[in-house]
Amino acid sequence: MPYAQGGDLDFTYMMGSGVRYNFNPRYSISAGASYMHASDAYLCHPKYCDFGINVWGPMIGLNVRLGKQKRQPPSESR
């Protein structure tokens, strides 16, 4: 079927980057962007033009730590 995706062997990769600002040890916000590509790298038979799927977009988030903060080991005095 023309423009269809999927085969016996498909490849997908995803890349992203972003920033995070910590308000305190429990709450933070984040923002970034990501890119994903999925294709069969022209390995399907019979050969069809591999258009692949390209997706990119922004991401924003509110992060909340659910557990207790880890205890720091006591520092040694010299």
PDB file of N, CA and C in Angstrom:
ATOM      1  N   MET A   1       0.849  -1.170   0.000  1.00  0.00           N
ATOM      2  CA  MET A   1       0.000   0.000   0.000  1.00  0.00           C
ATOM      3  C   MET A   1       0.903   1.246   0.000  1.00  0.00           C
ATOM      4  N   PRO A   2       0.714   2.164  -0.900  1.00  0.00           N
ATOM      5  CA  PRO A   2       1.545   3.371  -0.934  1.00  0.00           C
ATOM      6  C   PRO A   2       1.431   4.181   0.360  1.00  0.00           C
ATOM      7  N   TYR A   3       2.533   4.742   0.781  1.00  0.00           N
ATOM      8  CA  TYR A   3       2.641   5.598   1.974  1.00  0.00           C
ATOM      9  C   TYR A   3       2.441   4.837   3.283  1.00  0.00           C
ATOM     10  N   ALA A   4       2.301   3.522   3.260  1.00  0.00           N
ATOM     11  CA  ALA A   4       2.145   2.749   4.492  1.00  0.00           C
ATOM     12  C   ALA A   4       3.506   2.571   5.153  1.00  0.00           C
ATOM     13  N   GLN A   5       3.510   2.358   6.439  1.00  0.00           N
ATOM     14  CA  GLN A   5       4.745   2.162   7.191  1.00  0.00           C
ATOM     15  C   GLN A   5       4.711   0.800   7.855  1.00  0.00           C
ATOM     16  N   GLY A   6       5.888   0.245   8.072  1.00  0.00           N
ATOM     17  CA  GLY A   6       5.978  -1.024   8.780  1.00  0.00           C
ATOM     18  C   GLY A   6       6.464  -2.123   7.876  1.00  0.00           C
ATOM     19  N   GLY A   7       7.203  -3.021   8.453  1.00  0.00           N
ATOM     20  CA  GLY A   7       7.738  -4.148   7.721  1.00  0.00           C
ATOM     21  C   GLY A   7       8.266  -5.158   8.705  1.00  0.00           C
ATOM     22  N   ASP A   8       9.085  -6.087   8.211  1.00  0.00           N
ATOM     23  CA  ASP A   8       9.672  -7.089   9.087  1.00  0.00           C
ATOM     24  C   ASP A   8      10.739  -6.484  10.000  1.00  0.00           C
ATOM     25  N   LEU A   9      11.388  -5.420   9.552  1.00  0.00           N
ATOM     26  CA  LEU A   9      12.445  -4.787  10.328  1.00  0.00           C
ATOM     27  C   LEU A   9      12.323  -3.279  10.181  1.00  0.00           C
ATOM     28  N   ASP A  10      12.102  -2.582  11.274  1.00  0.00           N
ATOM     29  CA  ASP A  10      11.962  -1.129  11.267  1.00  0.00           C
ATOM     30  C   ASP A  10      12.977  -0.511  12.218  1.00  0.00           C
ATOM     31  N   PHE A  11      13.344   0.728  11.942  1.00  0.00           N
ATOM     32  CA  PHE A  11      14.284   1.466  12.776  1.00  0.00           C
ATOM     33  C   PHE A  11      13.615   2.733  13.296  1.00  0.00           C
ATOM     34  N   THR A  12      13.881   3.057  14.541  1.00  0.00           N
ATOM     35  CA  THR A  12      13.349   4.271  15.138  1.00  0.00           C
ATOM     36  C   THR A  12      14.441   4.907  15.979  1.00  0.00           C
ATOM     37  N   TYR A  13      14.611   6.204  15.850  1.00  0.00           N
ATOM     38  CA  TYR A  13      15.502   6.904  16.763  1.00  0.00           C
ATOM     39  C   TYR A  13      14.830   8.183  17.224  1.00  0.00           C
ATOM     40  N   MET A  14      15.194   8.613  18.406  1.00  0.00           N
ATOM     41  CA  MET A  14      14.599   9.793  19.014  1.00  0.00           C
ATOM     42  C   MET A  14      15.702  10.596  19.683  1.00  0.00           C
ATOM     43  N   MET A  15      15.674  11.907  19.479  1.00  0.00           N
ATOM     44  CA  MET A  15      16.641  12.800  20.100  1.00  0.00           C
ATOM     45  C   MET A  15      15.875  13.949  20.745  1.00  0.00           C
ATOM     46  N   GLY A  16      16.423  14.481  21.802  1.00  0.00           N
ATOM     47  CA  GLY A  16      15.784  15.612  22.442  1.00  0.00           C
ATOM     48  C   GLY A  16      16.755  16.383  23.304  1.00  0.00           C
ATOM     49  N   SER A  17      16.339  17.587  23.649  1.00  0.00           N
ATOM     50  CA  SER A  17      17.157  18.432  24.502  1.00  0.00           C
ATOM     51  C   SER A  17      16.223  19.354  25.272  1.00  0.00           C
ATOM     52  N   GLY A  18      16.677  19.790  26.437  1.00  0.00           N
ATOM     53  CA  GLY A  18      15.823  20.662  27.215  1.00  0.00           C
ATOM     54  C   GLY A  18      16.527  21.228  28.427  1.00  0.00           C
ATOM     55  N   VAL A  19      15.762  21.948  29.218  1.00  0.00           N
ATOM     56  CA  VAL A  19      16.268  22.558  30.440  1.00  0.00           C
ATOM     57  C   VAL A  19      15.300  22.260  31.579  1.00  0.00           C
ATOM     58  N   ARG A  20      15.835  22.324  32.801  1.00  0.00           N
ATOM     59  CA  ARG A  20      15.003  22.108  33.992  1.00  0.00           C
ATOM     60  C   ARG A  20      15.397  23.140  35.036  1.00  0.00           C
ATOM     61  N   TYR A  21      14.408  23.689  35.720  1.00  0.00           N
ATOM     62  CA  TYR A  21      14.649  24.628  36.813  1.00  0.00           C
ATOM     63  C   TYR A  21      14.086  24.027  38.088  1.00  0.00           C
ATOM     64  N   ASN A  22      14.938  23.840  39.097  1.00  0.00           N
ATOM     65  CA  ASN A  22      14.516  23.276  40.374  1.00  0.00           C
ATOM     66  C   ASN A  22      14.097  24.392  41.318  1.00  0.00           C
ATOM     67  N   PHE A  23      12.843  24.365  41.757  1.00  0.00           N
ATOM     68  CA  PHE A  23      12.376  25.320  42.764  1.00  0.00           C
ATOM     69  C   PHE A  23      12.918  24.943  44.136  1.00  0.00           C
ATOM     70  N   ASN A  24      12.886  23.652  44.418  1.00  0.00           N
ATOM     71  CA  ASN A  24      13.409  23.089  45.658  1.00  0.00           C
ATOM     72  C   ASN A  24      13.655  21.604  45.386  1.00  0.00           C
ATOM     73  N   PRO A  25      14.111  20.812  46.376  1.00  0.00           N
ATOM     74  CA  PRO A  25      14.388  19.393  46.096  1.00  0.00           C
ATOM     75  C   PRO A  25      13.166  18.578  45.643  1.00  0.00           C
ATOM     76  N   ARG A  26      11.956  19.093  45.826  1.00  0.00           N
ATOM     77  CA  ARG A  26      10.772  18.322  45.459  1.00  0.00           C
ATOM     78  C   ARG A  26      10.116  18.761  44.146  1.00  0.00           C
ATOM     79  N   TYR A  27      10.108  20.056  43.825  1.00  0.00           N
ATOM     80  CA  TYR A  27       9.388  20.555  42.658  1.00  0.00           C
ATOM     81  C   TYR A  27      10.333  21.191  41.644  1.00  0.00           C
ATOM     82  N   SER A  28      10.043  20.958  40.352  1.00  0.00           N
ATOM     83  CA  SER A  28      10.791  21.596  39.283  1.00  0.00           C
ATOM     84  C   SER A  28       9.914  21.675  38.038  1.00  0.00           C
ATOM     85  N   ILE A  29      10.305  22.525  37.103  1.00  0.00           N
ATOM     86  CA  ILE A  29       9.631  22.607  35.807  1.00  0.00           C
ATOM     87  C   ILE A  29      10.675  22.333  34.726  1.00  0.00           C
ATOM     88  N   SER A  30      10.195  21.883  33.570  1.00  0.00           N
ATOM     89  CA  SER A  30      11.108  21.577  32.478  1.00  0.00           C
ATOM     90  C   SER A  30      10.482  21.972  31.149  1.00  0.00           C
ATOM     91  N   ALA A  31      11.339  22.222  30.169  1.00  0.00           N
ATOM     92  CA  ALA A  31      10.897  22.544  28.809  1.00  0.00           C
ATOM     93  C   ALA A  31      11.965  22.040  27.852  1.00  0.00           C
ATOM     94  N   GLY A  32      11.535  21.647  26.662  1.00  0.00           N
ATOM     95  CA  GLY A  32      12.493  21.153  25.689  1.00  0.00           C
ATOM     96  C   GLY A  32      11.827  20.853  24.363  1.00  0.00           C
ATOM     97  N   ALA A  33      12.586  20.216  23.484  1.00  0.00           N
ATOM     98  CA  ALA A  33      12.099  19.825  22.170  1.00  0.00           C
ATOM     99  C   ALA A  33      12.635  18.434  21.862  1.00  0.00           C
ATOM    100  N   SER A  34      11.879  17.679  21.058  1.00  0.00           N
ATOM    101  CA  SER A  34      12.334  16.343  20.678  1.00  0.00           C
ATOM    102  C   SER A  34      12.037  16.089  19.198  1.00  0.00           C
ATOM    103  N   TYR A  35      12.798  15.149  18.617  1.00  0.00           N
ATOM    104  CA  TYR A  35      12.654  14.754  17.225  1.00  0.00           C
ATOM    105  C   TYR A  35      12.700  13.236  17.158  1.00  0.00           C
ATOM    106  N   MET A  36      11.815  12.636  16.347  1.00  0.00           N
ATOM    107  CA  MET A  36      11.790  11.187  16.182  1.00  0.00           C
ATOM    108  C   MET A  36      11.650  10.852  14.700  1.00  0.00           C
ATOM    109  N   HIS A  37      12.341   9.806  14.269  1.00  0.00           N
ATOM    110  CA  HIS A  37      12.234   9.312  12.901  1.00  0.00           C
ATOM    111  C   HIS A  37      12.039   7.800  12.942  1.00  0.00           C
ATOM    112  N   ALA A  38      11.103   7.313  12.156  1.00  0.00           N
ATOM    113  CA  ALA A  38      10.857   5.869  12.043  1.00  0.00           C
ATOM    114  C   ALA A  38      10.825   5.500  10.563  1.00  0.00           C
ATOM    115  N   SER A  39      11.545   4.446  10.179  1.00  0.00           N
ATOM    116  CA  SER A  39      11.526   3.974   8.800  1.00  0.00           C
ATOM    117  C   SER A  39      12.045   2.542   8.749  1.00  0.00           C
ATOM    118  N   ASP A  40      11.953   1.947   7.553  1.00  0.00           N
ATOM    119  CA  ASP A  40      12.480   0.594   7.358  1.00  0.00           C
ATOM    120  C   ASP A  40      13.807   0.615   6.614  1.00  0.00           C
ATOM    121  N   ALA A  41      14.375   1.791   6.365  1.00  0.00           N
ATOM    122  CA  ALA A  41      15.671   1.950   5.703  1.00  0.00           C
ATOM    123  C   ALA A  41      15.721   1.226   4.350  1.00  0.00           C
ATOM    124  N   TYR A  42      14.623   1.259   3.619  1.00  0.00           N
ATOM    125  CA  TYR A  42      14.515   0.634   2.288  1.00  0.00           C
ATOM    126  C   TYR A  42      14.765  -0.868   2.317  1.00  0.00           C
ATOM    127  N   LEU A  43      14.441  -1.545   3.400  1.00  0.00           N
ATOM    128  CA  LEU A  43      14.676  -2.990   3.483  1.00  0.00           C
ATOM    129  C   LEU A  43      13.445  -3.819   3.128  1.00  0.00           C
ATOM    130  N   CYS A  44      12.267  -3.220   2.935  1.00  0.00           N
ATOM    131  CA  CYS A  44      11.055  -3.973   2.594  1.00  0.00           C
ATOM    132  C   CYS A  44      11.130  -4.474   1.156  1.00  0.00           C
ATOM    133  N   HIS A  45      10.519  -5.615   0.927  1.00  0.00           N
ATOM    134  CA  HIS A  45      10.449  -6.187  -0.422  1.00  0.00           C
ATOM    135  C   HIS A  45       8.998  -6.346  -0.788  1.00  0.00           C
ATOM    136  N   PRO A  46       8.531  -5.984  -1.950  1.00  0.00           N
ATOM    137  CA  PRO A  46       9.287  -5.322  -3.005  1.00  0.00           C
ATOM    138  C   PRO A  46       9.649  -3.894  -2.602  1.00  0.00           C
ATOM    139  N   LYS A  47      10.608  -3.328  -3.314  1.00  0.00           N
ATOM    140  CA  LYS A  47      11.112  -2.002  -2.979  1.00  0.00           C
ATOM    141  C   LYS A  47      10.045  -0.939  -3.233  1.00  0.00           C
ATOM    142  N   TYR A  48       9.767  -0.159  -2.202  1.00  0.00           N
ATOM    143  CA  TYR A  48       8.907   1.007  -2.313  1.00  0.00           C
ATOM    144  C   TYR A  48       9.698   2.203  -1.831  1.00  0.00           C
ATOM    145  N   CYS A  49       9.284   3.374  -2.248  1.00  0.00           N
ATOM    146  CA  CYS A  49       9.931   4.587  -1.765  1.00  0.00           C
ATOM    147  C   CYS A  49       9.667   4.707  -0.266  1.00  0.00           C
ATOM    148  N   ASP A  50      10.721   4.837   0.529  1.00  0.00           N
ATOM    149  CA  ASP A  50      10.602   4.889   1.992  1.00  0.00           C
ATOM    150  C   ASP A  50      10.468   6.343   2.442  1.00  0.00           C
ATOM    151  N   PHE A  51       9.240   6.758   2.710  1.00  0.00           N
ATOM    152  CA  PHE A  51       9.014   8.129   3.146  1.00  0.00           C
ATOM    153  C   PHE A  51       9.378   8.322   4.611  1.00  0.00           C
ATOM    154  N   GLY A  52       9.243   7.278   5.424  1.00  0.00           N
ATOM    155  CA  GLY A  52       9.534   7.382   6.844  1.00  0.00           C
ATOM    156  C   GLY A  52       8.516   8.266   7.554  1.00  0.00           C
ATOM    157  N   ILE A  53       8.643   8.333   8.850  1.00  0.00           N
ATOM    158  CA  ILE A  53       7.788   9.192   9.669  1.00  0.00           C
ATOM    159  C   ILE A  53       8.718  10.101  10.464  1.00  0.00           C
ATOM    160  N   ASN A  54       8.539  11.391  10.336  1.00  0.00           N
ATOM    161  CA  ASN A  54       9.318  12.364  11.076  1.00  0.00           C
ATOM    162  C   ASN A  54       8.384  13.159  11.971  1.00  0.00           C
ATOM    163  N   VAL A  55       8.715  13.218  13.251  1.00  0.00           N
ATOM    164  CA  VAL A  55       7.885  13.935  14.216  1.00  0.00           C
ATOM    165  C   VAL A  55       8.786  14.803  15.073  1.00  0.00           C
ATOM    166  N   TRP A  56       8.413  16.050  15.276  1.00  0.00           N
ATOM    167  CA  TRP A  56       9.145  16.915  16.197  1.00  0.00           C
ATOM    168  C   TRP A  56       8.135  17.755  16.950  1.00  0.00           C
ATOM    169  N   GLY A  57       8.519  18.188  18.126  1.00  0.00           N
ATOM    170  CA  GLY A  57       7.597  19.008  18.889  1.00  0.00           C
ATOM    171  C   GLY A  57       8.157  19.437  20.226  1.00  0.00           C
ATOM    172  N   PRO A  58       7.478  20.394  20.844  1.00  0.00           N
ATOM    173  CA  PRO A  58       7.903  20.897  22.156  1.00  0.00           C
ATOM    174  C   PRO A  58       7.393  20.002  23.279  1.00  0.00           C
ATOM    175  N   MET A  59       8.073  20.078  24.415  1.00  0.00           N
ATOM    176  CA  MET A  59       7.641  19.372  25.623  1.00  0.00           C
ATOM    177  C   MET A  59       7.755  20.328  26.802  1.00  0.00           C
ATOM    178  N   ILE A  60       6.762  20.320  27.672  1.00  0.00           N
ATOM    179  CA  ILE A  60       6.829  21.078  28.917  1.00  0.00           C
ATOM    180  C   ILE A  60       6.398  20.154  30.038  1.00  0.00           C
ATOM    181  N   GLY A  61       6.885  20.395  31.242  1.00  0.00           N
ATOM    182  CA  GLY A  61       6.525  19.497  32.327  1.00  0.00           C
ATOM    183  C   GLY A  61       6.651  20.124  33.696  1.00  0.00           C
ATOM    184  N   LEU A  62       5.893  19.582  34.615  1.00  0.00           N
ATOM    185  CA  LEU A  62       5.978  19.886  36.037  1.00  0.00           C
ATOM    186  C   LEU A  62       6.422  18.599  36.701  1.00  0.00           C
ATOM    187  N   ASN A  63       7.565  18.629  37.378  1.00  0.00           N
ATOM    188  CA  ASN A  63       8.145  17.433  37.978  1.00  0.00           C
ATOM    189  C   ASN A  63       7.982  17.484  39.495  1.00  0.00           C
ATOM    190  N   VAL A  64       7.516  16.373  40.073  1.00  0.00           N
ATOM    191  CA  VAL A  64       7.303  16.274  41.509  1.00  0.00           C
ATOM    192  C   VAL A  64       7.958  14.991  42.007  1.00  0.00           C
ATOM    193  N   ARG A  65       8.835  15.103  43.015  1.00  0.00           N
ATOM    194  CA  ARG A  65       9.447  13.916  43.624  1.00  0.00           C
ATOM    195  C   ARG A  65       8.404  13.262  44.518  1.00  0.00           C
ATOM    196  N   LEU A  66       8.160  11.962  44.359  1.00  0.00           N
ATOM    197  CA  LEU A  66       7.147  11.265  45.140  1.00  0.00           C
ATOM    198  C   LEU A  66       7.694  10.672  46.426  1.00  0.00           C
ATOM    199  N   GLY A  67       8.938  10.286  46.439  1.00  0.00           N
ATOM    200  CA  GLY A  67       9.522   9.680  47.632  1.00  0.00           C
ATOM    201  C   GLY A  67      10.216  10.714  48.500  1.00  0.00           C
ATOM    202  N   LYS A  68      10.754  10.231  49.598  1.00  0.00           N
ATOM    203  CA  LYS A  68      11.511  11.113  50.475  1.00  0.00           C
ATOM    204  C   LYS A  68      12.860  11.433  49.854  1.00  0.00           C
ATOM    205  N   GLN A  69      13.414  12.571  50.215  1.00  0.00           N
ATOM    206  CA  GLN A  69      14.724  12.959  49.734  1.00  0.00           C
ATOM    207  C   GLN A  69      15.768  12.022  50.327  1.00  0.00           C
ATOM    208  N   LYS A  70      16.739  11.611  49.524  1.00  0.00           N
ATOM    209  CA  LYS A  70      17.784  10.709  50.005  1.00  0.00           C
ATOM    210  C   LYS A  70      18.633  11.413  51.043  1.00  0.00           C
ATOM    211  N   ARG A  71      18.992  10.670  52.076  1.00  0.00           N
ATOM    212  CA  ARG A  71      19.847  11.235  53.134  1.00  0.00           C
ATOM    213  C   ARG A  71      21.284  11.304  52.653  1.00  0.00           C
ATOM    214  N   GLN A  72      21.942  12.383  52.976  1.00  0.00           N
ATOM    215  CA  GLN A  72      23.352  12.550  52.638  1.00  0.00           C
ATOM    216  C   GLN A  72      24.192  11.910  53.718  1.00  0.00           C
ATOM    217  N   PRO A  73      25.263  11.185  53.359  1.00  0.00           N
ATOM    218  CA  PRO A  73      26.133  10.608  54.394  1.00  0.00           C
ATOM    219  C   PRO A  73      26.789  11.740  55.169  1.00  0.00           C
ATOM    220  N   PRO A  74      27.049  11.531  56.454  1.00  0.00           N
ATOM    221  CA  PRO A  74      27.691  12.585  57.258  1.00  0.00           C
ATOM    222  C   PRO A  74      29.087  12.888  56.712  1.00  0.00           C
ATOM    223  N   SER A  75      29.416  14.169  56.660  1.00  0.00           N
ATOM    224  CA  SER A  75      30.741  14.549  56.160  1.00  0.00           C
ATOM    225  C   SER A  75      31.770  14.357  57.265  1.00  0.00           C
ATOM    226  N   GLU A  76      32.969  13.974  56.863  1.00  0.00           N
ATOM    227  CA  GLU A  76      34.034  13.743  57.830  1.00  0.00           C
ATOM    228  C   GLU A  76      34.735  15.060  58.147  1.00  0.00           C
ATOM    229  N   SER A  77      35.016  15.317  59.386  1.00  0.00           N
ATOM    230  CA  SER A  77      35.760  16.509  59.797  1.00  0.00           C
ATOM    231  C   SER A  77      37.231  16.177  59.911  1.00  0.00           C
ATOM    232  N   ARG A  78      38.079  17.087  59.510  1.00  0.00           N
ATOM    233  CA  ARG A  78      39.531  16.855  59.600  1.00  0.00           C
ATOM    234  C   ARG A  78      40.136  17.772  60.584  1.00  0.00           C
TER     235      ARG A  78
END
